[in-house]
Amino acid sequence: MSQEFQFTVGGRSFSLTREDVESKLKSVQPEQVRQYCVTVNKKEYPVKQALEVSAGLLRSGFTTQDAIRVLRKFEFQIRKVV
């Protein structure tokens, strides 16, 4: 089992592992990427979609930079789409 990371987004505290993120996104269809994407399970997701699904957050409650900061903790590949 991988390391569990603690993080705070929108004033709420969360605790997830890399496997939690992979599992929660496994059956989720990626939306269209507009600016930043994260690769999870060999699929590219918008970073906000990935964090929303993984942590059960409302997308309006956090920023793209929040999502990038959290997803980098799990060592997922994040890239900017040109």
Protein backbone atom coordinates (compact mmCIF):
# COMPACT_ATOMS: atom_id res chain seq x y z
CA MET A 1 0.00 0.00 0.00
CA SER A 2 1.27 3.43 -0.85
CA GLN A 3 1.71 6.43 1.37
CA GLU A 4 -1.37 8.29 2.53
CA PHE A 5 -1.19 12.04 1.97
CA GLN A 6 -2.99 14.64 4.07
CA PHE A 7 -3.99 17.89 2.39
CA THR A 8 -6.36 20.81 2.84
CA VAL A 9 -8.49 22.26 0.06
CA GLY A 10 -11.13 24.91 0.57
CA GLY A 11 -10.68 24.74 4.32
CA ARG A 12 -11.43 20.99 4.44
CA SER A 13 -8.88 18.32 5.30
CA PHE A 14 -8.53 15.14 3.25
CA SER A 15 -6.48 11.99 3.32
CA LEU A 16 -5.92 9.88 0.18
CA THR A 17 -3.44 7.44 -1.31
CA ARG A 18 -2.36 7.18 -4.94
CA GLU A 19 -4.41 3.95 -5.15
CA ASP A 20 -7.50 5.83 -3.91
CA VAL A 21 -7.16 8.30 -6.78
CA GLU A 22 -6.58 5.55 -9.36
CA SER A 23 -9.51 3.50 -8.08
CA LYS A 24 -11.98 6.38 -8.01
CA LEU A 25 -11.09 7.43 -11.57
CA LYS A 26 -10.98 3.91 -13.01
CA SER A 27 -14.51 3.96 -14.45
CA VAL A 28 -14.72 7.73 -15.05
CA GLN A 29 -14.65 9.04 -18.61
CA PRO A 30 -12.22 11.98 -18.97
CA GLU A 31 -13.71 15.33 -19.90
CA GLN A 32 -12.11 17.62 -22.47
CA VAL A 33 -8.82 19.06 -21.23
CA ARG A 34 -8.58 22.83 -21.55
CA GLN A 35 -5.35 23.80 -19.83
CA TYR A 36 -3.78 21.24 -17.45
CA CYS A 37 -4.15 17.49 -17.47
CA VAL A 38 -3.06 14.66 -15.22
CA THR A 39 -2.39 11.11 -16.39
CA VAL A 40 -4.12 8.49 -14.25
CA ASN A 41 -4.66 4.88 -15.38
CA LYS A 42 -3.19 5.78 -18.79
CA LYS A 43 -5.94 8.38 -19.37
CA GLU A 44 -5.59 12.16 -19.35
CA TYR A 45 -8.06 14.01 -17.11
CA PRO A 46 -8.48 17.72 -16.46
CA VAL A 47 -6.80 18.26 -13.09
CA LYS A 48 -9.97 19.69 -11.55
CA GLN A 49 -12.05 16.68 -12.65
CA ALA A 50 -9.48 14.30 -11.17
CA LEU A 51 -9.46 16.01 -7.78
CA GLU A 52 -13.23 16.49 -7.74
CA VAL A 53 -13.84 12.77 -8.25
CA SER A 54 -11.01 11.60 -6.00
CA ALA A 55 -11.81 13.79 -2.99
CA GLY A 56 -15.57 14.25 -3.50
CA LEU A 57 -15.23 18.01 -3.80
CA LEU A 58 -17.31 20.50 -5.75
CA ARG A 59 -15.22 21.91 -8.57
CA SER A 60 -16.20 25.45 -7.65
CA GLY A 61 -14.64 24.98 -4.21
CA PHE A 62 -11.01 24.84 -5.35
CA THR A 63 -8.67 26.23 -7.99
CA THR A 64 -6.69 24.59 -10.76
CA GLN A 65 -3.54 25.37 -8.77
CA ASP A 66 -5.01 23.57 -5.72
CA ALA A 67 -5.63 20.50 -7.89
CA ILE A 68 -2.12 20.58 -9.36
CA ARG A 69 -0.56 20.96 -5.89
CA VAL A 70 -2.47 17.97 -4.51
CA LEU A 71 -2.01 15.68 -7.52
CA ARG A 72 1.74 16.34 -7.59
CA LYS A 73 1.96 14.87 -4.08
CA PHE A 74 0.91 11.54 -5.59
CA GLU A 75 3.61 11.87 -8.28
CA PHE A 76 1.15 11.79 -11.16
CA GLN A 77 2.32 13.28 -14.46
CA ILE A 78 0.81 16.73 -15.00
CA ARG A 79 1.25 18.72 -18.15
CA LYS A 80 0.02 21.96 -19.67
CA VAL A 81 -1.91 21.55 -22.90
CA VAL A 82 -0.89 24.08 -25.53
